[in-house]
Amino acid sequence: NVATLILANNLMARYGGDEGVAVMGIATSLMNLMLMPIIGVNQGIQPIIGFNYGAGLFGRAQRALRLALVGVCGICAAAYALFFAFSGPLVGLFVPGQAGLRALGVHGMRIFLCSIPVVGVVMLGTGYFQAVKKPLQALVPNMIRQLVLLVPLYLALPRFLGLDGIFMAGPLTDAMSVLATLAFLAPEMRSLGAKASRRPVALAAAAE
């Protein structure tokens, strides 16, 4: 994370000068603020999933994960909608009286933060697989995001799109990371459903 942030700041300085670096700083601050609900839900849901999965209550683990995903995506979509509607005043809090920098910030951050509504899928998916002790599935989406996609996109896109390429690198990476996470989560959810449906039968057989 630190290395990619340094790279992004260097690219911003090259393509946008001091204003670009300032916009990246504002964008990072706002992104951290918008990620707080996801982090909170992720930390709260992990022990619930881990306990139910370990106890063989697979249906509960499945419902907990599904509820967390729907809730986080809904909260973050609403947060981004509010940011989009009031991005001018929000950016103005960081750079009062600087119309040019404010306009660049509004334009850039509307792009930079547009993946917020779905990025929770990656974080909650990673948290789920950590809770059920499946480290490979937890590691791969983050590795894809940080090493396979983000750095190459940061290096390639600005050559064709300038500053917009830097703003777009994060959302494009997030979108592909979401797809990678769903590729692991979808069969896992089906497996949880199948295990949950078999459990009552197993309990009845044990009682007999």
N, C-alpha and C. Protein backbone atom coordinates (compact mmCIF):
# COMPACT_ATOMS: atom_id res chain seq x y z
N ASN A 1 0.82 -1.21 0.00
CA ASN A 1 0.00 0.00 0.00
C ASN A 1 0.85 1.26 0.00
N VAL A 2 1.87 1.27 0.83
CA VAL A 2 2.74 2.44 0.90
C VAL A 2 3.46 2.64 -0.43
N ALA A 3 3.97 1.54 -0.99
CA ALA A 3 4.71 1.64 -2.25
C ALA A 3 3.81 2.14 -3.38
N THR A 4 2.57 1.63 -3.46
CA THR A 4 1.67 2.08 -4.52
C THR A 4 1.26 3.53 -4.31
N LEU A 5 1.12 3.95 -3.05
CA LEU A 5 0.78 5.35 -2.77
C LEU A 5 1.92 6.28 -3.18
N ILE A 6 3.16 5.85 -2.91
CA ILE A 6 4.31 6.64 -3.33
C ILE A 6 4.36 6.75 -4.85
N LEU A 7 4.10 5.61 -5.52
CA LEU A 7 4.08 5.62 -6.98
C LEU A 7 3.00 6.56 -7.51
N ALA A 8 1.80 6.50 -6.93
CA ALA A 8 0.71 7.37 -7.36
C ALA A 8 1.05 8.83 -7.16
N ASN A 9 1.66 9.17 -6.03
CA ASN A 9 2.04 10.56 -5.78
C ASN A 9 3.10 11.05 -6.75
N ASN A 10 4.06 10.18 -7.07
CA ASN A 10 5.09 10.56 -8.04
C ASN A 10 4.49 10.80 -9.42
N LEU A 11 3.54 9.93 -9.81
CA LEU A 11 2.88 10.12 -11.10
C LEU A 11 2.03 11.39 -11.10
N MET A 12 1.35 11.64 -9.99
CA MET A 12 0.57 12.87 -9.88
C MET A 12 1.46 14.10 -10.02
N ALA A 13 2.63 14.06 -9.38
CA ALA A 13 3.56 15.18 -9.49
C ALA A 13 4.04 15.38 -10.92
N ARG A 14 4.24 14.26 -11.64
CA ARG A 14 4.73 14.34 -13.01
C ARG A 14 3.67 14.89 -13.96
N TYR A 15 2.43 14.40 -13.80
CA TYR A 15 1.39 14.78 -14.75
C TYR A 15 0.51 15.95 -14.28
N GLY A 16 0.50 16.22 -12.98
CA GLY A 16 -0.38 17.27 -12.48
C GLY A 16 0.28 18.30 -11.59
N GLY A 17 1.58 18.13 -11.35
CA GLY A 17 2.29 19.09 -10.52
C GLY A 17 1.81 19.07 -9.08
N ASP A 18 2.01 20.18 -8.39
CA ASP A 18 1.63 20.26 -6.98
C ASP A 18 0.12 20.09 -6.79
N GLU A 19 -0.66 20.57 -7.76
CA GLU A 19 -2.11 20.42 -7.65
C GLU A 19 -2.50 18.94 -7.70
N GLY A 20 -1.83 18.19 -8.55
CA GLY A 20 -2.13 16.77 -8.63
C GLY A 20 -1.81 16.04 -7.34
N VAL A 21 -0.69 16.38 -6.72
CA VAL A 21 -0.32 15.76 -5.44
C VAL A 21 -1.34 16.12 -4.37
N ALA A 22 -1.78 17.38 -4.36
CA ALA A 22 -2.78 17.80 -3.38
C ALA A 22 -4.09 17.04 -3.56
N VAL A 23 -4.50 16.85 -4.82
CA VAL A 23 -5.74 16.11 -5.09
C VAL A 23 -5.61 14.66 -4.62
N MET A 24 -4.45 14.04 -4.85
CA MET A 24 -4.27 12.67 -4.39
C MET A 24 -4.35 12.57 -2.87
N GLY A 25 -3.82 13.57 -2.18
CA GLY A 25 -3.91 13.58 -0.73
C GLY A 25 -5.35 13.69 -0.24
N ILE A 26 -6.12 14.56 -0.91
CA ILE A 26 -7.54 14.70 -0.54
C ILE A 26 -8.29 13.41 -0.85
N ALA A 27 -8.01 12.83 -2.01
CA ALA A 27 -8.69 11.60 -2.41
C ALA A 27 -8.42 10.47 -1.42
N THR A 28 -7.17 10.36 -0.98
CA THR A 28 -6.82 9.32 -0.02
C THR A 28 -7.55 9.52 1.30
N SER A 29 -7.65 10.76 1.74
CA SER A 29 -8.35 11.05 2.99
C SER A 29 -9.83 10.69 2.89
N LEU A 30 -10.46 11.07 1.79
CA LEU A 30 -11.88 10.77 1.62
C LEU A 30 -12.12 9.27 1.45
N MET A 31 -11.21 8.60 0.75
CA MET A 31 -11.38 7.15 0.60
C MET A 31 -11.29 6.45 1.95
N ASN A 32 -10.33 6.84 2.78
CA ASN A 32 -10.21 6.24 4.11
C ASN A 32 -11.48 6.47 4.92
N LEU A 33 -12.08 7.63 4.78
CA LEU A 33 -13.32 7.92 5.48
C LEU A 33 -14.45 7.02 4.99
N MET A 34 -14.54 6.83 3.67
CA MET A 34 -15.60 6.01 3.11
C MET A 34 -15.40 4.52 3.38
N LEU A 35 -14.16 4.12 3.62
CA LEU A 35 -13.88 2.71 3.91
C LEU A 35 -14.18 2.33 5.35
N MET A 36 -14.37 3.31 6.21
CA MET A 36 -14.57 3.00 7.63
C MET A 36 -15.75 2.08 7.89
N PRO A 37 -16.92 2.28 7.26
CA PRO A 37 -18.02 1.32 7.49
C PRO A 37 -17.67 -0.10 7.08
N ILE A 38 -16.94 -0.24 5.97
CA ILE A 38 -16.55 -1.59 5.52
C ILE A 38 -15.62 -2.25 6.53
N ILE A 39 -14.65 -1.48 7.02
CA ILE A 39 -13.70 -2.03 7.99
C ILE A 39 -14.44 -2.45 9.26
N GLY A 40 -15.37 -1.61 9.72
CA GLY A 40 -16.12 -1.93 10.92
C GLY A 40 -16.96 -3.19 10.77
N VAL A 41 -17.69 -3.29 9.66
CA VAL A 41 -18.52 -4.47 9.43
C VAL A 41 -17.64 -5.71 9.28
N ASN A 42 -16.52 -5.58 8.58
CA ASN A 42 -15.62 -6.72 8.37
C ASN A 42 -15.09 -7.25 9.70
N GLN A 43 -14.67 -6.36 10.57
CA GLN A 43 -14.15 -6.79 11.86
C GLN A 43 -15.24 -7.39 12.74
N GLY A 44 -16.46 -6.88 12.60
CA GLY A 44 -17.55 -7.41 13.41
C GLY A 44 -18.08 -8.74 12.92
N ILE A 45 -18.01 -8.96 11.60
CA ILE A 45 -18.62 -10.17 11.03
C ILE A 45 -17.70 -11.38 11.11
N GLN A 46 -16.39 -11.16 11.17
CA GLN A 46 -15.46 -12.29 11.16
C GLN A 46 -15.67 -13.27 12.32
N PRO A 47 -15.77 -12.82 13.57
CA PRO A 47 -16.00 -13.80 14.64
C PRO A 47 -17.34 -14.51 14.53
N ILE A 48 -18.35 -13.81 13.99
CA ILE A 48 -19.66 -14.44 13.83
C ILE A 48 -19.58 -15.56 12.80
N ILE A 49 -18.94 -15.27 11.67
CA ILE A 49 -18.79 -16.29 10.63
C ILE A 49 -17.92 -17.44 11.13
N GLY A 50 -16.80 -17.10 11.78
CA GLY A 50 -15.89 -18.13 12.26
C GLY A 50 -16.56 -19.07 13.26
N PHE A 51 -17.33 -18.50 14.19
CA PHE A 51 -18.00 -19.33 15.20
C PHE A 51 -19.02 -20.27 14.55
N ASN A 52 -19.88 -19.70 13.69
CA ASN A 52 -20.94 -20.51 13.08
C ASN A 52 -20.37 -21.56 12.13
N TYR A 53 -19.34 -21.18 11.39
CA TYR A 53 -18.72 -22.14 10.47
C TYR A 53 -18.08 -23.28 11.26
N GLY A 54 -17.37 -22.93 12.33
CA GLY A 54 -16.73 -23.95 13.14
C GLY A 54 -17.72 -24.86 13.85
N ALA A 55 -18.90 -24.31 14.18
CA ALA A 55 -19.93 -25.10 14.85
C ALA A 55 -20.77 -25.91 13.88
N GLY A 56 -20.48 -25.78 12.60
CA GLY A 56 -21.26 -26.50 11.60
C GLY A 56 -22.58 -25.85 11.26
N LEU A 57 -22.77 -24.59 11.68
CA LEU A 57 -24.01 -23.87 11.37
C LEU A 57 -23.79 -23.09 10.08
N PHE A 58 -23.69 -23.83 9.00
CA PHE A 58 -23.29 -23.24 7.72
C PHE A 58 -24.34 -22.27 7.17
N GLY A 59 -25.60 -22.54 7.43
CA GLY A 59 -26.64 -21.63 6.97
C GLY A 59 -26.52 -20.27 7.62
N ARG A 60 -26.20 -20.26 8.90
CA ARG A 60 -26.02 -18.98 9.60
C ARG A 60 -24.81 -18.22 9.06
N ALA A 61 -23.73 -18.94 8.82
CA ALA A 61 -22.54 -18.30 8.26
C ALA A 61 -22.85 -17.70 6.89
N GLN A 62 -23.59 -18.42 6.08
CA GLN A 62 -23.98 -17.93 4.76
C GLN A 62 -24.84 -16.68 4.86
N ARG A 63 -25.83 -16.72 5.76
CA ARG A 63 -26.72 -15.57 5.91
C ARG A 63 -25.98 -14.35 6.46
N ALA A 64 -25.06 -14.59 7.38
CA ALA A 64 -24.28 -13.48 7.93
C ALA A 64 -23.45 -12.80 6.84
N LEU A 65 -22.80 -13.59 6.01
CA LEU A 65 -21.99 -13.03 4.93
C LEU A 65 -22.86 -12.29 3.93
N ARG A 66 -23.99 -12.90 3.56
CA ARG A 66 -24.88 -12.26 2.59
C ARG A 66 -25.40 -10.92 3.12
N LEU A 67 -25.83 -10.92 4.38
CA LEU A 67 -26.35 -9.69 4.98
C LEU A 67 -25.27 -8.62 5.04
N ALA A 68 -24.05 -9.02 5.39
CA ALA A 68 -22.95 -8.05 5.46
C ALA A 68 -22.66 -7.47 4.08
N LEU A 69 -22.65 -8.31 3.05
CA LEU A 69 -22.37 -7.82 1.69
C LEU A 69 -23.43 -6.83 1.23
N VAL A 70 -24.70 -7.19 1.42
CA VAL A 70 -25.79 -6.30 1.00
C VAL A 70 -25.75 -5.00 1.78
N GLY A 71 -25.53 -5.10 3.09
CA GLY A 71 -25.51 -3.90 3.92
C GLY A 71 -24.38 -2.97 3.57
N VAL A 72 -23.18 -3.52 3.42
CA VAL A 72 -22.01 -2.69 3.12
C VAL A 72 -22.13 -2.04 1.75
N CYS A 73 -22.55 -2.82 0.75
CA CYS A 73 -22.69 -2.24 -0.60
C CYS A 73 -23.75 -1.15 -0.61
N GLY A 74 -24.84 -1.35 0.12
CA GLY A 74 -25.87 -0.33 0.19
C GLY A 74 -25.39 0.93 0.88
N ILE A 75 -24.71 0.78 2.02
CA ILE A 75 -24.20 1.94 2.75
C ILE A 75 -23.19 2.71 1.90
N CYS A 76 -22.28 1.99 1.27
CA CYS A 76 -21.24 2.66 0.49
C CYS A 76 -21.80 3.29 -0.78
N ALA A 77 -22.82 2.67 -1.39
CA ALA A 77 -23.45 3.28 -2.55
C ALA A 77 -24.13 4.59 -2.16
N ALA A 78 -24.80 4.59 -1.01
CA ALA A 78 -25.43 5.83 -0.52
C ALA A 78 -24.38 6.89 -0.21
N ALA A 79 -23.25 6.45 0.40
CA ALA A 79 -22.19 7.40 0.72
C ALA A 79 -21.60 8.02 -0.54
N TYR A 80 -21.40 7.19 -1.58
CA TYR A 80 -20.85 7.74 -2.82
C TYR A 80 -21.85 8.66 -3.50
N ALA A 81 -23.12 8.32 -3.45
CA ALA A 81 -24.14 9.19 -4.05
C ALA A 81 -24.14 10.56 -3.38
N LEU A 82 -24.02 10.57 -2.05
CA LEU A 82 -23.95 11.84 -1.33
C LEU A 82 -22.68 12.61 -1.69
N PHE A 83 -21.57 11.87 -1.78
CA PHE A 83 -20.33 12.53 -2.16
C PHE A 83 -20.44 13.12 -3.56
N PHE A 84 -21.02 12.36 -4.49
CA PHE A 84 -21.14 12.84 -5.87
C PHE A 84 -21.99 14.11 -5.91
N ALA A 85 -23.07 14.12 -5.13
CA ALA A 85 -23.98 15.27 -5.13
C ALA A 85 -23.35 16.49 -4.48
N PHE A 86 -22.51 16.27 -3.48
CA PHE A 86 -21.94 17.40 -2.72
C PHE A 86 -20.42 17.40 -2.79
N SER A 87 -19.88 16.92 -3.89
CA SER A 87 -18.42 16.82 -3.99
C SER A 87 -17.75 18.19 -3.98
N GLY A 88 -18.40 19.18 -4.57
CA GLY A 88 -17.82 20.53 -4.58
C GLY A 88 -17.59 21.07 -3.18
N PRO A 89 -18.63 21.15 -2.35
CA PRO A 89 -18.42 21.63 -0.97
C PRO A 89 -17.46 20.77 -0.16
N LEU A 90 -17.50 19.44 -0.36
CA LEU A 90 -16.61 18.57 0.40
C LEU A 90 -15.15 18.80 0.05
N VAL A 91 -14.86 18.90 -1.25
CA VAL A 91 -13.49 19.19 -1.66
C VAL A 91 -13.09 20.58 -1.21
N GLY A 92 -14.06 21.51 -1.23
CA GLY A 92 -13.78 22.88 -0.80
C GLY A 92 -13.35 22.98 0.65
N LEU A 93 -13.75 22.01 1.48
CA LEU A 93 -13.29 22.02 2.87
C LEU A 93 -11.78 21.86 2.97
N PHE A 94 -11.18 21.16 2.00
CA PHE A 94 -9.73 20.93 2.01
C PHE A 94 -8.98 22.08 1.33
N VAL A 95 -9.59 22.68 0.31
CA VAL A 95 -8.90 23.73 -0.45
C VAL A 95 -9.81 24.94 -0.60
N PRO A 96 -10.10 25.63 0.49
CA PRO A 96 -11.01 26.79 0.39
C PRO A 96 -10.40 27.91 -0.46
N GLY A 97 -11.21 28.46 -1.33
CA GLY A 97 -10.79 29.61 -2.12
C GLY A 97 -9.86 29.31 -3.28
N GLN A 98 -9.67 28.04 -3.63
CA GLN A 98 -8.81 27.68 -4.76
C GLN A 98 -9.67 27.00 -5.83
N ALA A 99 -10.26 27.81 -6.69
CA ALA A 99 -11.27 27.31 -7.63
C ALA A 99 -10.69 26.26 -8.59
N GLY A 100 -9.48 26.51 -9.11
CA GLY A 100 -8.90 25.57 -10.06
C GLY A 100 -8.60 24.21 -9.44
N LEU A 101 -8.02 24.24 -8.26
CA LEU A 101 -7.71 23.00 -7.56
C LEU A 101 -8.98 22.29 -7.14
N ARG A 102 -9.98 23.06 -6.75
CA ARG A 102 -11.26 22.47 -6.35
C ARG A 102 -11.91 21.76 -7.54
N ALA A 103 -11.89 22.39 -8.72
CA ALA A 103 -12.49 21.77 -9.91
C ALA A 103 -11.76 20.48 -10.28
N LEU A 104 -10.43 20.50 -10.21
CA LEU A 104 -9.66 19.30 -10.51
C LEU A 104 -9.97 18.20 -9.49
N GLY A 105 -10.08 18.60 -8.22
CA GLY A 105 -10.38 17.63 -7.17
C GLY A 105 -11.74 16.98 -7.36
N VAL A 106 -12.74 17.78 -7.69
CA VAL A 106 -14.09 17.24 -7.89
C VAL A 106 -14.09 16.25 -9.05
N HIS A 107 -13.49 16.66 -10.16
CA HIS A 107 -13.45 15.78 -11.34
C HIS A 107 -12.71 14.48 -11.04
N GLY A 108 -11.51 14.60 -10.46
CA GLY A 108 -10.69 13.43 -10.22
C GLY A 108 -11.29 12.47 -9.21
N MET A 109 -11.83 13.03 -8.14
CA MET A 109 -12.32 12.14 -7.07
C MET A 109 -13.65 11.49 -7.40
N ARG A 110 -14.41 12.09 -8.27
CA ARG A 110 -15.62 11.39 -8.73
C ARG A 110 -15.25 10.12 -9.48
N ILE A 111 -14.12 10.17 -10.17
CA ILE A 111 -13.61 8.96 -10.84
C ILE A 111 -12.93 8.03 -9.85
N PHE A 112 -12.04 8.58 -9.05
CA PHE A 112 -11.20 7.80 -8.15
C PHE A 112 -12.01 7.00 -7.13
N LEU A 113 -13.15 7.56 -6.69
CA LEU A 113 -13.94 6.93 -5.64
C LEU A 113 -15.14 6.14 -6.16
N CYS A 114 -15.29 6.03 -7.48
CA CYS A 114 -16.52 5.44 -8.02
C CYS A 114 -16.64 3.94 -7.74
N SER A 115 -15.55 3.28 -7.35
CA SER A 115 -15.63 1.85 -7.04
C SER A 115 -16.01 1.58 -5.58
N ILE A 116 -16.15 2.63 -4.79
CA ILE A 116 -16.47 2.47 -3.36
C ILE A 116 -17.72 1.60 -3.14
N PRO A 117 -18.79 1.74 -3.93
CA PRO A 117 -19.98 0.91 -3.67
C PRO A 117 -19.74 -0.60 -3.72
N VAL A 118 -18.72 -1.05 -4.45
CA VAL A 118 -18.51 -2.50 -4.59
C VAL A 118 -17.21 -3.00 -3.97
N VAL A 119 -16.35 -2.09 -3.55
CA VAL A 119 -15.05 -2.54 -3.04
C VAL A 119 -15.20 -3.34 -1.75
N GLY A 120 -16.32 -3.16 -1.06
CA GLY A 120 -16.56 -3.94 0.14
C GLY A 120 -16.63 -5.43 -0.11
N VAL A 121 -16.98 -5.82 -1.34
CA VAL A 121 -17.02 -7.24 -1.69
C VAL A 121 -15.64 -7.87 -1.49
N VAL A 122 -14.61 -7.16 -1.90
CA VAL A 122 -13.25 -7.69 -1.76
C VAL A 122 -12.86 -7.79 -0.29
N MET A 123 -13.13 -6.74 0.47
CA MET A 123 -12.73 -6.72 1.87
C MET A 123 -13.49 -7.76 2.69
N LEU A 124 -14.81 -7.86 2.46
CA LEU A 124 -15.59 -8.85 3.20
C LEU A 124 -15.27 -10.27 2.74
N GLY A 125 -15.01 -10.44 1.45
CA GLY A 125 -14.62 -11.75 0.97
C GLY A 125 -13.32 -12.20 1.60
N THR A 126 -12.36 -11.29 1.66
CA THR A 126 -11.08 -11.61 2.32
C THR A 126 -11.30 -11.94 3.79
N GLY A 127 -12.14 -11.15 4.46
CA GLY A 127 -12.43 -11.40 5.87
C GLY A 127 -13.11 -12.73 6.09
N TYR A 128 -14.01 -13.09 5.18
CA TYR A 128 -14.70 -14.38 5.30
C TYR A 128 -13.70 -15.54 5.21
N PHE A 129 -12.85 -15.50 4.20
CA PHE A 129 -11.92 -16.61 4.01
C PHE A 129 -10.88 -16.68 5.14
N GLN A 130 -10.54 -15.53 5.72
CA GLN A 130 -9.68 -15.56 6.90
C GLN A 130 -10.40 -16.22 8.07
N ALA A 131 -11.69 -15.92 8.22
CA ALA A 131 -12.46 -16.46 9.34
C ALA A 131 -12.62 -17.97 9.26
N VAL A 132 -12.72 -18.50 8.04
CA VAL A 132 -12.92 -19.96 7.89
C VAL A 132 -11.60 -20.67 7.57
N LYS A 133 -10.48 -19.95 7.74
CA LYS A 133 -9.14 -20.53 7.60
C LYS A 133 -8.88 -21.08 6.19
N LYS A 134 -9.15 -20.21 5.21
CA LYS A 134 -8.81 -20.54 3.83
C LYS A 134 -7.91 -19.42 3.31
N PRO A 135 -6.63 -19.45 3.68
CA PRO A 135 -5.73 -18.31 3.41
C PRO A 135 -5.48 -18.04 1.93
N LEU A 136 -5.47 -19.07 1.11
CA LEU A 136 -5.19 -18.85 -0.31
C LEU A 136 -6.27 -17.98 -0.94
N GLN A 137 -7.54 -18.31 -0.68
CA GLN A 137 -8.64 -17.53 -1.23
C GLN A 137 -8.65 -16.10 -0.67
N ALA A 138 -8.16 -15.95 0.55
CA ALA A 138 -8.09 -14.61 1.14
C ALA A 138 -6.96 -13.79 0.52
N LEU A 139 -5.90 -14.46 0.14
CA LEU A 139 -4.70 -13.76 -0.35
C LEU A 139 -4.79 -13.36 -1.82
N VAL A 140 -5.35 -14.23 -2.65
CA VAL A 140 -5.28 -14.03 -4.09
C VAL A 140 -5.89 -12.70 -4.55
N PRO A 141 -7.14 -12.33 -4.14
CA PRO A 141 -7.69 -11.06 -4.64
C PRO A 141 -6.84 -9.85 -4.28
N ASN A 142 -6.26 -9.84 -3.06
CA ASN A 142 -5.41 -8.72 -2.68
C ASN A 142 -4.09 -8.71 -3.44
N MET A 143 -3.56 -9.88 -3.71
CA MET A 143 -2.35 -9.95 -4.52
C MET A 143 -2.62 -9.46 -5.94
N ILE A 144 -3.78 -9.86 -6.47
CA ILE A 144 -4.15 -9.40 -7.80
C ILE A 144 -4.25 -7.88 -7.82
N ARG A 145 -4.87 -7.34 -6.78
CA ARG A 145 -5.08 -5.89 -6.75
C ARG A 145 -3.76 -5.13 -6.64
N GLN A 146 -2.93 -5.52 -5.69
CA GLN A 146 -1.75 -4.72 -5.40
C GLN A 146 -0.61 -4.94 -6.39
N LEU A 147 -0.38 -6.17 -6.82
CA LEU A 147 0.80 -6.48 -7.61
C LEU A 147 0.51 -6.70 -9.09
N VAL A 148 -0.56 -7.46 -9.38
CA VAL A 148 -0.81 -7.86 -10.77
C VAL A 148 -1.44 -6.73 -11.57
N LEU A 149 -2.33 -5.95 -10.96
CA LEU A 149 -3.12 -4.98 -11.71
C LEU A 149 -2.77 -3.53 -11.43
N LEU A 150 -2.73 -3.15 -10.16
CA LEU A 150 -2.67 -1.72 -9.83
C LEU A 150 -1.41 -1.05 -10.34
N VAL A 151 -0.27 -1.63 -10.04
CA VAL A 151 0.99 -1.00 -10.45
C VAL A 151 1.10 -0.91 -11.98
N PRO A 152 0.84 -1.99 -12.74
CA PRO A 152 0.89 -1.85 -14.20
C PRO A 152 -0.09 -0.81 -14.75
N LEU A 153 -1.29 -0.74 -14.18
CA LEU A 153 -2.26 0.26 -14.66
C LEU A 153 -1.79 1.68 -14.32
N TYR A 154 -1.21 1.86 -13.15
CA TYR A 154 -0.66 3.17 -12.81
C TYR A 154 0.42 3.59 -13.81
N LEU A 155 1.21 2.62 -14.24
CA LEU A 155 2.30 2.95 -15.15
C LEU A 155 1.83 3.14 -16.59
N ALA A 156 0.77 2.41 -16.98
CA ALA A 156 0.35 2.42 -18.38
C ALA A 156 -0.68 3.50 -18.71
N LEU A 157 -1.71 3.61 -17.89
CA LEU A 157 -2.84 4.49 -18.25
C LEU A 157 -2.47 5.97 -18.38
N PRO A 158 -1.64 6.53 -17.51
CA PRO A 158 -1.33 7.96 -17.67
C PRO A 158 -0.66 8.31 -18.98
N ARG A 159 0.01 7.35 -19.60
CA ARG A 159 0.66 7.63 -20.88
C ARG A 159 -0.35 7.95 -21.97
N PHE A 160 -1.56 7.41 -21.81
CA PHE A 160 -2.60 7.63 -22.82
C PHE A 160 -3.67 8.62 -22.35
N LEU A 161 -3.92 8.65 -21.03
CA LEU A 161 -5.04 9.45 -20.52
C LEU A 161 -4.61 10.55 -19.58
N GLY A 162 -3.33 10.68 -19.32
CA GLY A 162 -2.86 11.73 -18.43
C GLY A 162 -3.36 11.52 -17.01
N LEU A 163 -3.78 12.61 -16.36
CA LEU A 163 -4.24 12.53 -14.98
C LEU A 163 -5.44 11.60 -14.83
N ASP A 164 -6.33 11.62 -15.81
CA ASP A 164 -7.50 10.74 -15.73
C ASP A 164 -7.09 9.27 -15.64
N GLY A 165 -5.99 8.92 -16.28
CA GLY A 165 -5.50 7.55 -16.21
C GLY A 165 -5.12 7.16 -14.79
N ILE A 166 -4.52 8.11 -14.05
CA ILE A 166 -4.17 7.84 -12.65
C ILE A 166 -5.43 7.67 -11.82
N PHE A 167 -6.41 8.53 -12.05
CA PHE A 167 -7.66 8.43 -11.31
C PHE A 167 -8.40 7.12 -11.62
N MET A 168 -8.28 6.65 -12.86
CA MET A 168 -9.02 5.45 -13.27
C MET A 168 -8.36 4.14 -12.86
N ALA A 169 -7.07 4.18 -12.57
CA ALA A 169 -6.35 2.94 -12.27
C ALA A 169 -6.96 2.22 -11.07
N GLY A 170 -7.24 2.95 -10.00
CA GLY A 170 -7.80 2.34 -8.80
C GLY A 170 -9.16 1.69 -9.03
N PRO A 171 -10.14 2.42 -9.59
CA PRO A 171 -11.45 1.81 -9.84
C PRO A 171 -11.40 0.60 -10.77
N LEU A 172 -10.58 0.66 -11.82
CA LEU A 172 -10.48 -0.49 -12.72
C LEU A 172 -9.90 -1.70 -11.99
N THR A 173 -8.90 -1.45 -11.16
CA THR A 173 -8.32 -2.54 -10.37
C THR A 173 -9.34 -3.10 -9.40
N ASP A 174 -10.09 -2.22 -8.75
CA ASP A 174 -11.13 -2.68 -7.81
C ASP A 174 -12.17 -3.53 -8.52
N ALA A 175 -12.59 -3.11 -9.71
CA ALA A 175 -13.61 -3.87 -10.44
C ALA A 175 -13.12 -5.28 -10.76
N MET A 176 -11.87 -5.40 -11.18
CA MET A 176 -11.34 -6.73 -11.50
C MET A 176 -11.10 -7.55 -10.24
N SER A 177 -10.74 -6.88 -9.14
CA SER A 177 -10.57 -7.59 -7.87
C SER A 177 -11.91 -8.11 -7.35
N VAL A 178 -12.97 -7.34 -7.56
CA VAL A 178 -14.31 -7.79 -7.18
C VAL A 178 -14.68 -9.05 -7.95
N LEU A 179 -14.39 -9.06 -9.25
CA LEU A 179 -14.69 -10.25 -10.06
C LEU A 179 -13.90 -11.46 -9.57
N ALA A 180 -12.62 -11.24 -9.22
CA ALA A 180 -11.81 -12.34 -8.71
C ALA A 180 -12.35 -12.86 -7.39
N THR A 181 -12.78 -11.93 -6.52
CA THR A 181 -13.35 -12.34 -5.23
C THR A 181 -14.63 -13.12 -5.42
N LEU A 182 -15.49 -12.64 -6.32
CA LEU A 182 -16.75 -13.34 -6.58
C LEU A 182 -16.51 -14.73 -7.16
N ALA A 183 -15.43 -14.88 -7.91
CA ALA A 183 -15.12 -16.20 -8.46
C ALA A 183 -14.84 -17.21 -7.35
N PHE A 184 -14.31 -16.73 -6.21
CA PHE A 184 -14.11 -17.60 -5.05
C PHE A 184 -15.36 -17.68 -4.19
N LEU A 185 -16.06 -16.55 -4.04
CA LEU A 185 -17.21 -16.51 -3.13
C LEU A 185 -18.42 -17.28 -3.64
N ALA A 186 -18.67 -17.22 -4.95
CA ALA A 186 -19.87 -17.85 -5.50
C ALA A 186 -19.91 -19.35 -5.21
N PRO A 187 -18.87 -20.12 -5.53
CA PRO A 187 -18.91 -21.55 -5.18
C PRO A 187 -18.92 -21.78 -3.67
N GLU A 188 -18.29 -20.89 -2.91
CA GLU A 188 -18.30 -21.04 -1.46
C GLU A 188 -19.71 -20.87 -0.90
N MET A 189 -20.45 -19.90 -1.43
CA MET A 189 -21.83 -19.70 -0.97
C MET A 189 -22.69 -20.90 -1.33
N ARG A 190 -22.48 -21.45 -2.53
CA ARG A 190 -23.24 -22.66 -2.91
C ARG A 190 -22.88 -23.83 -2.00
N SER A 191 -21.60 -23.93 -1.66
CA SER A 191 -21.17 -25.01 -0.77
C SER A 191 -21.79 -24.86 0.62
N LEU A 192 -21.85 -23.64 1.12
CA LEU A 192 -22.46 -23.41 2.42
C LEU A 192 -23.94 -23.80 2.40
N GLY A 193 -24.63 -23.43 1.30
CA GLY A 193 -26.04 -23.78 1.19
C GLY A 193 -26.25 -25.28 1.15
N ALA A 194 -25.37 -25.99 0.42
CA ALA A 194 -25.49 -27.44 0.32
C ALA A 194 -25.21 -28.10 1.68
N LYS A 195 -24.20 -27.60 2.38
CA LYS A 195 -23.88 -28.16 3.70
C LYS A 195 -25.01 -27.89 4.69
N ALA A 196 -25.60 -26.71 4.60
CA ALA A 196 -26.70 -26.37 5.51
C ALA A 196 -27.91 -27.26 5.27
N SER A 197 -28.17 -27.59 3.98
CA SER A 197 -29.33 -28.45 3.69
C SER A 197 -29.10 -29.89 4.11
N ARG A 198 -27.83 -30.32 4.12
CA ARG A 198 -27.52 -31.70 4.53
C ARG A 198 -27.48 -31.86 6.04
N ARG A 199 -27.22 -30.78 6.76
CA ARG A 199 -27.03 -30.89 8.20
C ARG A 199 -28.27 -31.41 8.94
N PRO A 200 -29.49 -30.88 8.64
CA PRO A 200 -30.64 -31.44 9.35
C PRO A 200 -30.81 -32.94 9.14
N VAL A 201 -30.50 -33.42 7.92
CA VAL A 201 -30.59 -34.84 7.64
C VAL A 201 -29.60 -35.62 8.48
N ALA A 202 -28.39 -35.09 8.58
CA ALA A 202 -27.36 -35.75 9.37
C ALA A 202 -27.75 -35.79 10.85
N LEU A 203 -28.32 -34.71 11.35
CA LEU A 203 -28.73 -34.66 12.75
C LEU A 203 -29.86 -35.65 13.02
N ALA A 204 -30.78 -35.75 12.08
CA ALA A 204 -31.89 -36.70 12.25
C ALA A 204 -31.38 -38.13 12.25
N ALA A 205 -30.42 -38.41 11.38
CA ALA A 205 -29.85 -39.76 11.32
C ALA A 205 -29.10 -40.09 12.61
N ALA A 206 -28.39 -39.09 13.16
CA ALA A 206 -27.65 -39.31 14.40
C ALA A 206 -28.61 -39.56 15.56
N ALA A 207 -29.75 -38.87 15.55
CA ALA A 207 -30.73 -39.03 16.63
C ALA A 207 -31.34 -40.43 16.62
N GLU A 208 -31.49 -41.00 15.44
CA GLU A 208 -32.05 -42.34 15.33
C GLU A 208 -31.04 -43.40 15.83
